[in-house]
Amino acid sequence: LRESDTVARLGGDEFAFLIENVRDREDVTNVAEKILATFAGAILIDEIEVQITGSLGVCVYPDNGKDTESLLKKADGAMYRAKEVGQNWYYFCDE
């Protein structure tokens, strides 16, 4: 992520990413793929190999909502659609 982007922990294992000044869907796709790539491969914790996966729900202001509550709700729904597809996937809100 860039210095101007924001990451917030919403609770448990859920995080929100605020990516500003994107030109188009391709920019957002590149960011989503970079985030998921950080989970690729195993990491060692106290000599135990751990595999981490992620599912991303993507929504875009103002196309998918004009306030925080509606954007987070739609991103959450898109995340669950990504989980249906499988591990390490992202899904764009289609509303």
N, C-alpha and C. Protein backbone atom coordinates (compact mmCIF):
# COMPACT_ATOMS: atom_id res chain seq x y z
N LEU A 1 0.83 -1.18 0.00
CA LEU A 1 0.00 0.00 0.00
C LEU A 1 0.87 1.24 0.00
N ARG A 2 0.28 2.31 -0.45
CA ARG A 2 1.01 3.58 -0.47
C ARG A 2 0.90 4.26 0.89
N GLU A 3 1.74 5.21 1.13
CA GLU A 3 1.71 5.95 2.39
C GLU A 3 0.38 6.67 2.60
N SER A 4 -0.27 7.04 1.51
CA SER A 4 -1.54 7.77 1.60
C SER A 4 -2.75 6.86 1.85
N ASP A 5 -2.57 5.54 1.74
CA ASP A 5 -3.67 4.60 1.96
C ASP A 5 -3.84 4.32 3.45
N THR A 6 -5.00 3.81 3.81
CA THR A 6 -5.32 3.57 5.22
C THR A 6 -5.74 2.12 5.41
N VAL A 7 -5.25 1.51 6.49
CA VAL A 7 -5.67 0.16 6.89
C VAL A 7 -6.22 0.27 8.31
N ALA A 8 -7.40 -0.31 8.52
CA ALA A 8 -8.01 -0.29 9.85
C ALA A 8 -8.48 -1.69 10.21
N ARG A 9 -8.22 -2.09 11.44
CA ARG A 9 -8.73 -3.38 11.93
C ARG A 9 -10.14 -3.14 12.44
N LEU A 10 -11.10 -3.86 11.86
CA LEU A 10 -12.49 -3.71 12.26
C LEU A 10 -12.82 -4.58 13.45
N GLY A 11 -12.09 -5.67 13.62
CA GLY A 11 -12.31 -6.59 14.72
C GLY A 11 -11.93 -7.98 14.29
N GLY A 12 -11.44 -8.78 15.23
CA GLY A 12 -11.06 -10.15 14.89
C GLY A 12 -10.08 -10.18 13.74
N ASP A 13 -10.48 -10.86 12.70
CA ASP A 13 -9.60 -10.98 11.53
C ASP A 13 -10.12 -10.18 10.34
N GLU A 14 -10.89 -9.13 10.61
CA GLU A 14 -11.44 -8.29 9.54
C GLU A 14 -10.77 -6.92 9.53
N PHE A 15 -10.35 -6.53 8.33
CA PHE A 15 -9.67 -5.26 8.13
C PHE A 15 -10.34 -4.50 6.99
N ALA A 16 -10.21 -3.20 7.02
CA ALA A 16 -10.70 -2.36 5.93
C ALA A 16 -9.51 -1.60 5.35
N PHE A 17 -9.48 -1.49 4.05
CA PHE A 17 -8.44 -0.75 3.34
C PHE A 17 -9.13 0.41 2.64
N LEU A 18 -8.61 1.60 2.83
CA LEU A 18 -9.12 2.78 2.13
C LEU A 18 -8.03 3.20 1.15
N ILE A 19 -8.33 3.00 -0.12
CA ILE A 19 -7.38 3.30 -1.18
C ILE A 19 -7.92 4.50 -1.95
N GLU A 20 -7.23 5.61 -1.85
CA GLU A 20 -7.69 6.85 -2.48
C GLU A 20 -7.03 7.07 -3.83
N ASN A 21 -7.67 7.93 -4.62
CA ASN A 21 -7.12 8.38 -5.89
C ASN A 21 -6.80 7.24 -6.85
N VAL A 22 -7.76 6.34 -7.03
CA VAL A 22 -7.61 5.30 -8.04
C VAL A 22 -8.29 5.77 -9.32
N ARG A 23 -7.71 5.43 -10.44
CA ARG A 23 -8.23 5.90 -11.72
C ARG A 23 -9.35 5.01 -12.24
N ASP A 24 -9.21 3.70 -12.06
CA ASP A 24 -10.17 2.79 -12.66
C ASP A 24 -10.16 1.45 -11.94
N ARG A 25 -10.99 0.55 -12.42
CA ARG A 25 -11.12 -0.78 -11.80
C ARG A 25 -9.80 -1.54 -11.85
N GLU A 26 -9.00 -1.33 -12.88
CA GLU A 26 -7.72 -2.01 -13.00
C GLU A 26 -6.79 -1.62 -11.85
N ASP A 27 -6.78 -0.35 -11.46
CA ASP A 27 -5.98 0.08 -10.31
C ASP A 27 -6.39 -0.67 -9.04
N VAL A 28 -7.69 -0.78 -8.84
CA VAL A 28 -8.20 -1.47 -7.65
C VAL A 28 -7.85 -2.95 -7.71
N THR A 29 -7.98 -3.55 -8.88
CA THR A 29 -7.61 -4.95 -9.06
C THR A 29 -6.15 -5.18 -8.73
N ASN A 30 -5.28 -4.29 -9.17
CA ASN A 30 -3.84 -4.41 -8.87
C ASN A 30 -3.58 -4.37 -7.37
N VAL A 31 -4.26 -3.48 -6.67
CA VAL A 31 -4.09 -3.38 -5.22
C VAL A 31 -4.59 -4.66 -4.55
N ALA A 32 -5.76 -5.15 -4.94
CA ALA A 32 -6.30 -6.38 -4.35
C ALA A 32 -5.36 -7.55 -4.56
N GLU A 33 -4.81 -7.67 -5.76
CA GLU A 33 -3.89 -8.77 -6.03
C GLU A 33 -2.60 -8.65 -5.25
N LYS A 34 -2.12 -7.43 -5.04
CA LYS A 34 -0.91 -7.22 -4.23
C LYS A 34 -1.16 -7.60 -2.77
N ILE A 35 -2.34 -7.23 -2.27
CA ILE A 35 -2.67 -7.58 -0.88
C ILE A 35 -2.70 -9.09 -0.72
N LEU A 36 -3.38 -9.77 -1.62
CA LEU A 36 -3.47 -11.24 -1.53
C LEU A 36 -2.11 -11.90 -1.74
N ALA A 37 -1.26 -11.31 -2.55
CA ALA A 37 0.08 -11.88 -2.78
C ALA A 37 0.92 -11.87 -1.50
N THR A 38 0.64 -10.93 -0.60
CA THR A 38 1.40 -10.90 0.65
C THR A 38 1.13 -12.13 1.51
N PHE A 39 0.00 -12.80 1.25
CA PHE A 39 -0.34 -14.01 2.00
C PHE A 39 0.25 -15.28 1.38
N ALA A 40 0.82 -15.17 0.18
CA ALA A 40 1.33 -16.34 -0.53
C ALA A 40 2.50 -16.94 0.24
N GLY A 41 2.52 -18.24 0.28
CA GLY A 41 3.60 -18.94 0.95
C GLY A 41 3.37 -19.03 2.45
N ALA A 42 4.10 -19.92 3.05
CA ALA A 42 3.97 -20.15 4.49
C ALA A 42 4.92 -19.25 5.27
N ILE A 43 4.57 -18.99 6.52
CA ILE A 43 5.45 -18.27 7.42
C ILE A 43 5.73 -19.17 8.62
N LEU A 44 6.84 -18.94 9.28
CA LEU A 44 7.20 -19.72 10.46
C LEU A 44 6.91 -18.93 11.72
N ILE A 45 6.19 -19.57 12.64
CA ILE A 45 5.93 -19.01 13.95
C ILE A 45 6.35 -20.06 14.97
N ASP A 46 7.40 -19.75 15.74
CA ASP A 46 7.96 -20.71 16.69
C ASP A 46 8.19 -22.07 16.05
N GLU A 47 8.81 -22.05 14.87
CA GLU A 47 9.17 -23.24 14.10
C GLU A 47 7.96 -24.04 13.60
N ILE A 48 6.80 -23.42 13.61
CA ILE A 48 5.59 -24.05 13.07
C ILE A 48 5.22 -23.32 11.79
N GLU A 49 5.04 -24.08 10.71
CA GLU A 49 4.69 -23.49 9.44
C GLU A 49 3.20 -23.15 9.42
N VAL A 50 2.89 -21.90 9.11
CA VAL A 50 1.51 -21.42 9.12
C VAL A 50 1.18 -20.85 7.73
N GLN A 51 0.03 -21.21 7.21
CA GLN A 51 -0.45 -20.69 5.93
C GLN A 51 -1.60 -19.73 6.20
N ILE A 52 -1.52 -18.53 5.64
CA ILE A 52 -2.56 -17.52 5.83
C ILE A 52 -3.23 -17.27 4.49
N THR A 53 -4.55 -17.14 4.52
CA THR A 53 -5.29 -16.79 3.30
C THR A 53 -6.16 -15.58 3.59
N GLY A 54 -6.65 -14.99 2.52
CA GLY A 54 -7.50 -13.82 2.69
C GLY A 54 -8.61 -13.81 1.67
N SER A 55 -9.68 -13.14 1.99
CA SER A 55 -10.80 -12.91 1.07
C SER A 55 -11.12 -11.42 1.14
N LEU A 56 -11.22 -10.79 -0.03
CA LEU A 56 -11.44 -9.35 -0.09
C LEU A 56 -12.77 -9.04 -0.76
N GLY A 57 -13.52 -8.16 -0.13
CA GLY A 57 -14.71 -7.60 -0.76
C GLY A 57 -14.40 -6.18 -1.16
N VAL A 58 -14.65 -5.85 -2.41
CA VAL A 58 -14.26 -4.55 -2.95
C VAL A 58 -15.50 -3.74 -3.33
N CYS A 59 -15.56 -2.52 -2.85
CA CYS A 59 -16.59 -1.60 -3.31
C CYS A 59 -15.93 -0.25 -3.55
N VAL A 60 -16.58 0.55 -4.37
CA VAL A 60 -15.99 1.80 -4.83
C VAL A 60 -16.95 2.96 -4.55
N TYR A 61 -16.41 4.00 -3.96
CA TYR A 61 -17.17 5.23 -3.73
C TYR A 61 -17.11 6.07 -4.99
N PRO A 62 -18.14 6.67 -5.44
CA PRO A 62 -19.52 6.69 -4.95
C PRO A 62 -20.42 5.67 -5.65
N ASP A 63 -19.83 4.83 -6.53
CA ASP A 63 -20.63 3.88 -7.30
C ASP A 63 -21.42 2.92 -6.42
N ASN A 64 -20.82 2.45 -5.33
CA ASN A 64 -21.46 1.45 -4.48
C ASN A 64 -22.02 2.01 -3.18
N GLY A 65 -21.87 3.30 -2.95
CA GLY A 65 -22.40 3.92 -1.74
C GLY A 65 -21.74 5.26 -1.51
N LYS A 66 -22.45 6.09 -0.75
CA LYS A 66 -21.93 7.44 -0.50
C LYS A 66 -21.61 7.70 0.96
N ASP A 67 -21.79 6.67 1.81
CA ASP A 67 -21.45 6.84 3.22
C ASP A 67 -20.72 5.59 3.71
N THR A 68 -20.02 5.76 4.81
CA THR A 68 -19.20 4.68 5.36
C THR A 68 -20.00 3.42 5.63
N GLU A 69 -21.16 3.58 6.25
CA GLU A 69 -21.97 2.41 6.63
C GLU A 69 -22.36 1.57 5.41
N SER A 70 -22.86 2.22 4.37
CA SER A 70 -23.28 1.45 3.20
C SER A 70 -22.08 0.85 2.46
N LEU A 71 -20.97 1.56 2.41
CA LEU A 71 -19.78 1.01 1.75
C LEU A 71 -19.26 -0.22 2.50
N LEU A 72 -19.18 -0.14 3.82
CA LEU A 72 -18.70 -1.29 4.60
C LEU A 72 -19.66 -2.47 4.49
N LYS A 73 -20.95 -2.21 4.50
CA LYS A 73 -21.94 -3.28 4.38
C LYS A 73 -21.81 -3.98 3.03
N LYS A 74 -21.66 -3.21 1.97
CA LYS A 74 -21.53 -3.80 0.63
C LYS A 74 -20.18 -4.52 0.47
N ALA A 75 -19.12 -3.96 1.04
CA ALA A 75 -17.82 -4.63 0.99
C ALA A 75 -17.87 -5.95 1.74
N ASP A 76 -18.59 -5.98 2.86
CA ASP A 76 -18.74 -7.21 3.64
C ASP A 76 -19.47 -8.27 2.83
N GLY A 77 -20.55 -7.87 2.15
CA GLY A 77 -21.28 -8.81 1.29
C GLY A 77 -20.41 -9.33 0.17
N ALA A 78 -19.61 -8.46 -0.44
CA ALA A 78 -18.71 -8.88 -1.51
C ALA A 78 -17.63 -9.82 -0.98
N MET A 79 -17.18 -9.58 0.25
CA MET A 79 -16.18 -10.46 0.85
C MET A 79 -16.73 -11.88 1.00
N TYR A 80 -17.98 -11.99 1.43
CA TYR A 80 -18.57 -13.33 1.57
C TYR A 80 -18.74 -14.01 0.23
N ARG A 81 -18.98 -13.24 -0.82
CA ARG A 81 -19.03 -13.81 -2.17
C ARG A 81 -17.64 -14.32 -2.56
N ALA A 82 -16.60 -13.58 -2.19
CA ALA A 82 -15.22 -14.01 -2.47
C ALA A 82 -14.91 -15.31 -1.74
N LYS A 83 -15.39 -15.43 -0.50
CA LYS A 83 -15.16 -16.66 0.28
C LYS A 83 -15.84 -17.86 -0.37
N GLU A 84 -16.98 -17.63 -1.02
CA GLU A 84 -17.67 -18.72 -1.72
C GLU A 84 -16.83 -19.26 -2.87
N VAL A 85 -16.07 -18.38 -3.51
CA VAL A 85 -15.23 -18.78 -4.64
C VAL A 85 -14.05 -19.63 -4.15
N GLY A 86 -13.46 -19.24 -3.04
CA GLY A 86 -12.33 -19.99 -2.50
C GLY A 86 -11.35 -19.07 -1.81
N GLN A 87 -10.27 -19.66 -1.37
CA GLN A 87 -9.27 -18.91 -0.62
C GLN A 87 -8.48 -17.98 -1.52
N ASN A 88 -8.02 -16.88 -0.92
CA ASN A 88 -7.19 -15.89 -1.62
C ASN A 88 -7.87 -15.39 -2.88
N TRP A 89 -9.04 -14.84 -2.71
CA TRP A 89 -9.78 -14.30 -3.83
C TRP A 89 -10.40 -12.96 -3.45
N TYR A 90 -10.77 -12.17 -4.43
CA TYR A 90 -11.46 -10.91 -4.19
C TYR A 90 -12.69 -10.86 -5.08
N TYR A 91 -13.66 -10.07 -4.65
CA TYR A 91 -14.90 -9.95 -5.40
C TYR A 91 -15.34 -8.50 -5.36
N PHE A 92 -15.68 -7.96 -6.52
CA PHE A 92 -16.18 -6.59 -6.61
C PHE A 92 -17.67 -6.57 -6.31
N CYS A 93 -18.09 -5.60 -5.52
CA CYS A 93 -19.50 -5.37 -5.25
C CYS A 93 -20.19 -5.16 -6.59
N ASP A 94 -21.31 -5.82 -6.81
CA ASP A 94 -21.99 -5.71 -8.10
C ASP A 94 -23.27 -4.88 -8.01
N GLU A 95 -23.40 -4.09 -6.96
CA GLU A 95 -24.60 -3.25 -6.81
C GLU A 95 -24.31 -1.83 -7.26
